[in-house]
Amino acid sequence: NNPSVGSAVGFLFAPVSYEIVRSLYSR
């Protein structure tokens, strides 16, 4: 439904989130 504004509709389903990546080398 409403395909022409698909990205805007997708915003409504997106969670509030945050991602962090850190380095820590190990075998």
PDB file of all heavy atoms in Angstrom:
ATOM      1  N   ASN A   1       0.839  -1.192   0.000  1.00  0.00           N
ATOM      2  CA  ASN A   1       0.000   0.000   0.000  1.00  0.00           C
ATOM      3  C   ASN A   1       0.878   1.248   0.000  1.00  0.00           C
ATOM      4  O   ASN A   1       1.966   1.254   0.570  1.00  0.00           O
ATOM      5  CB  ASN A   1      -0.903   0.014   1.244  1.00  0.00           C
ATOM      6  CG  ASN A   1      -1.929  -1.099   1.229  1.00  0.00           C
ATOM      7  OD1 ASN A   1      -2.753  -1.173   0.318  1.00  0.00           O
ATOM      8  ND2 ASN A   1      -1.876  -1.977   2.213  1.00  0.00           N
ATOM      9  N   ASN A   2       0.407   2.298  -0.632  1.00  0.00           N
ATOM     10  CA  ASN A   2       1.133   3.573  -0.712  1.00  0.00           C
ATOM     11  C   ASN A   2       2.582   3.383  -1.157  1.00  0.00           C
ATOM     12  O   ASN A   2       3.517   3.862  -0.503  1.00  0.00           O
ATOM     13  CB  ASN A   2       1.104   4.288   0.646  1.00  0.00           C
ATOM     14  CG  ASN A   2      -0.296   4.510   1.155  1.00  0.00           C
ATOM     15  OD1 ASN A   2      -1.120   5.112   0.473  1.00  0.00           O
ATOM     16  ND2 ASN A   2      -0.600   4.013   2.337  1.00  0.00           N
ATOM     17  N   PRO A   3       2.807   2.698  -2.264  1.00  0.00           N
ATOM     18  CA  PRO A   3       4.192   2.373  -2.659  1.00  0.00           C
ATOM     19  C   PRO A   3       5.035   3.575  -3.028  1.00  0.00           C
ATOM     20  O   PRO A   3       6.259   3.541  -2.878  1.00  0.00           O
ATOM     21  CB  PRO A   3       3.990   1.454  -3.870  1.00  0.00           C
ATOM     22  CG  PRO A   3       2.676   1.854  -4.440  1.00  0.00           C
ATOM     23  CD  PRO A   3       1.838   2.196  -3.243  1.00  0.00           C
ATOM     24  N   SER A   4       4.411   4.655  -3.494  1.00  0.00           N
ATOM     25  CA  SER A   4       5.198   5.804  -3.939  1.00  0.00           C
ATOM     26  C   SER A   4       5.916   6.491  -2.788  1.00  0.00           C
ATOM     27  O   SER A   4       6.902   7.191  -3.000  1.00  0.00           O
ATOM     28  CB  SER A   4       4.297   6.807  -4.663  1.00  0.00           C
ATOM     29  OG  SER A   4       3.280   7.271  -3.799  1.00  0.00           O
ATOM     30  N   VAL A   5       5.433   6.300  -1.571  1.00  0.00           N
ATOM     31  CA  VAL A   5       6.074   6.911  -0.394  1.00  0.00           C
ATOM     32  C   VAL A   5       6.534   5.816   0.559  1.00  0.00           C
ATOM     33  O   VAL A   5       6.444   5.939   1.774  1.00  0.00           O
ATOM     34  CB  VAL A   5       5.117   7.904   0.320  1.00  0.00           C
ATOM     35  CG1 VAL A   5       4.931   9.152  -0.513  1.00  0.00           C
ATOM     36  CG2 VAL A   5       3.772   7.249   0.619  1.00  0.00           C
ATOM     37  N   GLY A   6       7.068   4.733  -0.016  1.00  0.00           N
ATOM     38  CA  GLY A   6       7.464   3.589   0.789  1.00  0.00           C
ATOM     39  C   GLY A   6       8.491   3.902   1.855  1.00  0.00           C
ATOM     40  O   GLY A   6       8.401   3.411   2.982  1.00  0.00           O
ATOM     41  N   SER A   7       9.479   4.732   1.534  1.00  0.00           N
ATOM     42  CA  SER A   7      10.510   5.062   2.522  1.00  0.00           C
ATOM     43  C   SER A   7       9.910   5.822   3.700  1.00  0.00           C
ATOM     44  O   SER A   7      10.266   5.575   4.860  1.00  0.00           O
ATOM     45  CB  SER A   7      11.623   5.895   1.873  1.00  0.00           C
ATOM     46  OG  SER A   7      12.361   5.113   0.972  1.00  0.00           O
ATOM     47  N   ALA A   8       8.989   6.749   3.423  1.00  0.00           N
ATOM     48  CA  ALA A   8       8.351   7.513   4.503  1.00  0.00           C
ATOM     49  C   ALA A   8       7.514   6.598   5.386  1.00  0.00           C
ATOM     50  O   ALA A   8       7.517   6.727   6.613  1.00  0.00           O
ATOM     51  CB  ALA A   8       7.490   8.632   3.909  1.00  0.00           C
ATOM     52  N   VAL A   9       6.795   5.646   4.783  1.00  0.00           N
ATOM     53  CA  VAL A   9       6.014   4.699   5.568  1.00  0.00           C
ATOM     54  C   VAL A   9       6.941   3.841   6.426  1.00  0.00           C
ATOM     55  O   VAL A   9       6.635   3.517   7.573  1.00  0.00           O
ATOM     56  CB  VAL A   9       5.149   3.819   4.648  1.00  0.00           C
ATOM     57  CG1 VAL A   9       4.422   2.746   5.454  1.00  0.00           C
ATOM     58  CG2 VAL A   9       4.132   4.675   3.896  1.00  0.00           C
ATOM     59  N   GLY A  10       8.104   3.494   5.861  1.00  0.00           N
ATOM     60  CA  GLY A  10       9.063   2.702   6.618  1.00  0.00           C
ATOM     61  C   GLY A  10       9.530   3.393   7.883  1.00  0.00           C
ATOM     62  O   GLY A  10       9.810   2.740   8.899  1.00  0.00           O
ATOM     63  N   PHE A  11       9.613   4.726   7.845  1.00  0.00           N
ATOM     64  CA  PHE A  11      10.015   5.472   9.045  1.00  0.00           C
ATOM     65  C   PHE A  11       9.082   5.170  10.218  1.00  0.00           C
ATOM     66  O   PHE A  11       9.504   5.153  11.381  1.00  0.00           O
ATOM     67  CB  PHE A  11       9.984   6.981   8.783  1.00  0.00           C
ATOM     68  CG  PHE A  11      11.047   7.471   7.830  1.00  0.00           C
ATOM     69  CD1 PHE A  11      11.049   8.786   7.410  1.00  0.00           C
ATOM     70  CD2 PHE A  11      12.018   6.614   7.347  1.00  0.00           C
ATOM     71  CE1 PHE A  11      12.019   9.254   6.528  1.00  0.00           C
ATOM     72  CE2 PHE A  11      12.992   7.071   6.465  1.00  0.00           C
ATOM     73  CZ  PHE A  11      12.990   8.389   6.060  1.00  0.00           C
ATOM     74  N   LEU A  12       7.801   4.953   9.913  1.00  0.00           N
ATOM     75  CA  LEU A  12       6.815   4.731  10.968  1.00  0.00           C
ATOM     76  C   LEU A  12       7.030   3.399  11.677  1.00  0.00           C
ATOM     77  O   LEU A  12       6.577   3.223  12.808  1.00  0.00           O
ATOM     78  CB  LEU A  12       5.407   4.785  10.382  1.00  0.00           C
ATOM     79  CG  LEU A  12       5.031   6.080   9.639  1.00  0.00           C
ATOM     80  CD1 LEU A  12       3.631   5.972   9.054  1.00  0.00           C
ATOM     81  CD2 LEU A  12       5.139   7.284  10.566  1.00  0.00           C
ATOM     82  N   PHE A  13       7.690   2.459  11.012  1.00  0.00           N
ATOM     83  CA  PHE A  13       7.943   1.148  11.616  1.00  0.00           C
ATOM     84  C   PHE A  13       9.316   1.064  12.266  1.00  0.00           C
ATOM     85  O   PHE A  13       9.608   0.082  12.953  1.00  0.00           O
ATOM     86  CB  PHE A  13       7.838   0.053  10.549  1.00  0.00           C
ATOM     87  CG  PHE A  13       6.463  -0.102   9.962  1.00  0.00           C
ATOM     88  CD1 PHE A  13       6.250   0.084   8.609  1.00  0.00           C
ATOM     89  CD2 PHE A  13       5.383  -0.413  10.762  1.00  0.00           C
ATOM     90  CE1 PHE A  13       4.982  -0.058   8.063  1.00  0.00           C
ATOM     91  CE2 PHE A  13       4.108  -0.551  10.236  1.00  0.00           C
ATOM     92  CZ  PHE A  13       3.905  -0.377   8.876  1.00  0.00           C
ATOM     93  N   ALA A  14      10.162   2.055  12.034  1.00  0.00           N
ATOM     94  CA  ALA A  14      11.535   1.986  12.533  1.00  0.00           C
ATOM     95  C   ALA A  14      11.570   2.215  14.052  1.00  0.00           C
ATOM     96  O   ALA A  14      10.918   3.122  14.566  1.00  0.00           O
ATOM     97  CB  ALA A  14      12.405   3.032  11.837  1.00  0.00           C
ATOM     98  N   PRO A  15      12.338   1.424  14.777  1.00  0.00           N
ATOM     99  CA  PRO A  15      12.460   1.635  16.223  1.00  0.00           C
ATOM    100  C   PRO A  15      13.429   2.772  16.511  1.00  0.00           C
ATOM    101  O   PRO A  15      14.236   3.156  15.658  1.00  0.00           O
ATOM    102  CB  PRO A  15      13.040   0.304  16.705  1.00  0.00           C
ATOM    103  CG  PRO A  15      13.888  -0.153  15.548  1.00  0.00           C
ATOM    104  CD  PRO A  15      13.137   0.277  14.311  1.00  0.00           C
ATOM    105  N   VAL A  16      13.349   3.317  17.698  1.00  0.00           N
ATOM    106  CA  VAL A  16      14.399   4.214  18.175  1.00  0.00           C
ATOM    107  C   VAL A  16      15.568   3.321  18.576  1.00  0.00           C
ATOM    108  O   VAL A  16      15.412   2.403  19.396  1.00  0.00           O
ATOM    109  CB  VAL A  16      13.929   5.051  19.371  1.00  0.00           C
ATOM    110  CG1 VAL A  16      15.066   5.934  19.888  1.00  0.00           C
ATOM    111  CG2 VAL A  16      12.728   5.899  18.987  1.00  0.00           C
ATOM    112  N   SER A  17      16.713   3.533  17.978  1.00  0.00           N
ATOM    113  CA  SER A  17      17.819   2.618  18.231  1.00  0.00           C
ATOM    114  C   SER A  17      19.152   3.341  18.117  1.00  0.00           C
ATOM    115  O   SER A  17      19.239   4.447  17.576  1.00  0.00           O
ATOM    116  CB  SER A  17      17.780   1.443  17.245  1.00  0.00           C
ATOM    117  OG  SER A  17      18.032   1.887  15.925  1.00  0.00           O
ATOM    118  N   TYR A  18      20.179   2.688  18.603  1.00  0.00           N
ATOM    119  CA  TYR A  18      21.540   3.217  18.493  1.00  0.00           C
ATOM    120  C   TYR A  18      22.501   2.047  18.538  1.00  0.00           C
ATOM    121  O   TYR A  18      22.343   1.114  19.326  1.00  0.00           O
ATOM    122  CB  TYR A  18      21.855   4.194  19.632  1.00  0.00           C
ATOM    123  CG  TYR A  18      23.073   5.037  19.365  1.00  0.00           C
ATOM    124  CD1 TYR A  18      23.049   6.061  18.429  1.00  0.00           C
ATOM    125  CD2 TYR A  18      24.267   4.804  20.050  1.00  0.00           C
ATOM    126  CE1 TYR A  18      24.167   6.831  18.176  1.00  0.00           C
ATOM    127  CE2 TYR A  18      25.391   5.576  19.809  1.00  0.00           C
ATOM    128  CZ  TYR A  18      25.332   6.579  18.853  1.00  0.00           C
ATOM    129  OH  TYR A  18      26.453   7.350  18.600  1.00  0.00           O
ATOM    130  N   GLU A  19      23.511   2.113  17.678  1.00  0.00           N
ATOM    131  CA  GLU A  19      24.485   1.037  17.582  1.00  0.00           C
ATOM    132  C   GLU A  19      25.886   1.585  17.789  1.00  0.00           C
ATOM    133  O   GLU A  19      26.229   2.651  17.293  1.00  0.00           O
ATOM    134  CB  GLU A  19      24.390   0.351  16.218  1.00  0.00           C
ATOM    135  CG  GLU A  19      25.337  -0.824  16.051  1.00  0.00           C
ATOM    136  CD  GLU A  19      25.093  -1.569  14.753  1.00  0.00           C
ATOM    137  OE1 GLU A  19      24.184  -1.181  13.992  1.00  0.00           O
ATOM    138  OE2 GLU A  19      25.828  -2.551  14.504  1.00  0.00           O
ATOM    139  N   ILE A  20      26.693   0.845  18.537  1.00  0.00           N
ATOM    140  CA  ILE A  20      28.071   1.229  18.811  1.00  0.00           C
ATOM    141  C   ILE A  20      28.973   0.050  18.475  1.00  0.00           C
ATOM    142  O   ILE A  20      28.663  -1.104  18.812  1.00  0.00           O
ATOM    143  CB  ILE A  20      28.277   1.617  20.288  1.00  0.00           C
ATOM    144  CG1 ILE A  20      27.312   2.736  20.698  1.00  0.00           C
ATOM    145  CG2 ILE A  20      29.710   2.072  20.525  1.00  0.00           C
ATOM    146  CD1 ILE A  20      27.382   3.091  22.168  1.00  0.00           C
ATOM    147  N   VAL A  21      30.075   0.330  17.786  1.00  0.00           N
ATOM    148  CA  VAL A  21      31.063  -0.694  17.449  1.00  0.00           C
ATOM    149  C   VAL A  21      32.403  -0.292  18.065  1.00  0.00           C
ATOM    150  O   VAL A  21      32.833   0.852  17.923  1.00  0.00           O
ATOM    151  CB  VAL A  21      31.216  -0.849  15.921  1.00  0.00           C
ATOM    152  CG1 VAL A  21      32.234  -1.947  15.602  1.00  0.00           C
ATOM    153  CG2 VAL A  21      29.879  -1.161  15.274  1.00  0.00           C
ATOM    154  N   ARG A  22      33.044  -1.236  18.751  1.00  0.00           N
ATOM    155  CA  ARG A  22      34.348  -0.972  19.347  1.00  0.00           C
ATOM    156  C   ARG A  22      35.307  -2.110  19.018  1.00  0.00           C
ATOM    157  O   ARG A  22      34.899  -3.266  18.887  1.00  0.00           O
ATOM    158  CB  ARG A  22      34.233  -0.845  20.870  1.00  0.00           C
ATOM    159  CG  ARG A  22      33.456   0.374  21.318  1.00  0.00           C
ATOM    160  CD  ARG A  22      34.269   1.646  21.330  1.00  0.00           C
ATOM    161  NE  ARG A  22      33.420   2.830  21.457  1.00  0.00           N
ATOM    162  CZ  ARG A  22      32.900   3.265  22.593  1.00  0.00           C
ATOM    163  NH1 ARG A  22      33.135   2.609  23.707  1.00  0.00           N
ATOM    164  NH2 ARG A  22      32.160   4.343  22.616  1.00  0.00           N
ATOM    165  N   SER A  23      36.585  -1.767  18.925  1.00  0.00           N
ATOM    166  CA  SER A  23      37.615  -2.755  18.620  1.00  0.00           C
ATOM    167  C   SER A  23      38.171  -3.364  19.906  1.00  0.00           C
ATOM    168  O   SER A  23      38.434  -2.656  20.882  1.00  0.00           O
ATOM    169  CB  SER A  23      38.761  -2.118  17.823  1.00  0.00           C
ATOM    170  OG  SER A  23      38.305  -1.665  16.565  1.00  0.00           O
ATOM    171  N   LEU A  24      38.335  -4.668  19.871  1.00  0.00           N
ATOM    172  CA  LEU A  24      39.021  -5.387  20.945  1.00  0.00           C
ATOM    173  C   LEU A  24      39.499  -6.699  20.327  1.00  0.00           C
ATOM    174  O   LEU A  24      38.752  -7.662  20.206  1.00  0.00           O
ATOM    175  CB  LEU A  24      38.092  -5.660  22.133  1.00  0.00           C
ATOM    176  CG  LEU A  24      38.723  -6.450  23.291  1.00  0.00           C
ATOM    177  CD1 LEU A  24      39.920  -5.694  23.870  1.00  0.00           C
ATOM    178  CD2 LEU A  24      37.710  -6.745  24.373  1.00  0.00           C
ATOM    179  N   TYR A  25      40.750  -6.698  19.888  1.00  0.00           N
ATOM    180  CA  TYR A  25      41.276  -7.858  19.154  1.00  0.00           C
ATOM    181  C   TYR A  25      41.543  -9.025  20.083  1.00  0.00           C
ATOM    182  O   TYR A  25      42.083  -8.869  21.188  1.00  0.00           O
ATOM    183  CB  TYR A  25      42.568  -7.495  18.422  1.00  0.00           C
ATOM    184  CG  TYR A  25      43.208  -8.682  17.740  1.00  0.00           C
ATOM    185  CD1 TYR A  25      42.764  -9.086  16.484  1.00  0.00           C
ATOM    186  CD2 TYR A  25      44.214  -9.406  18.367  1.00  0.00           C
ATOM    187  CE1 TYR A  25      43.330 -10.191  15.859  1.00  0.00           C
ATOM    188  CE2 TYR A  25      44.788 -10.503  17.753  1.00  0.00           C
ATOM    189  CZ  TYR A  25      44.335 -10.903  16.498  1.00  0.00           C
ATOM    190  OH  TYR A  25      44.881 -12.000  15.893  1.00  0.00           O
ATOM    191  N   SER A  26      41.162 -10.215  19.611  1.00  0.00           N
ATOM    192  CA  SER A  26      41.469 -11.425  20.361  1.00  0.00           C
ATOM    193  C   SER A  26      41.311 -12.631  19.442  1.00  0.00           C
ATOM    194  O   SER A  26      40.559 -12.583  18.464  1.00  0.00           O
ATOM    195  CB  SER A  26      40.532 -11.571  21.563  1.00  0.00           C
ATOM    196  OG  SER A  26      40.790 -12.786  22.241  1.00  0.00           O
ATOM    197  N   ARG A  27      42.031 -13.696  19.770  1.00  0.00           N
ATOM    198  CA  ARG A  27      41.794 -14.962  19.087  1.00  0.00           C
ATOM    199  C   ARG A  27      40.760 -15.744  19.897  1.00  0.00           C
ATOM    200  O   ARG A  27      40.730 -15.663  21.121  1.00  0.00           O
ATOM    201  CB  ARG A  27      43.093 -15.756  18.956  1.00  0.00           C
ATOM    202  CG  ARG A  27      44.139 -15.029  18.125  1.00  0.00           C
ATOM    203  CD  ARG A  27      45.235 -15.942  17.664  1.00  0.00           C
ATOM    204  NE  ARG A  27      46.242 -15.225  16.894  1.00  0.00           N
ATOM    205  CZ  ARG A  27      47.124 -15.804  16.095  1.00  0.00           C
ATOM    206  NH1 ARG A  27      47.119 -17.121  15.943  1.00  0.00           N
ATOM    207  NH2 ARG A  27      48.012 -15.093  15.439  1.00  0.00           N
TER     208      ARG A  27
END
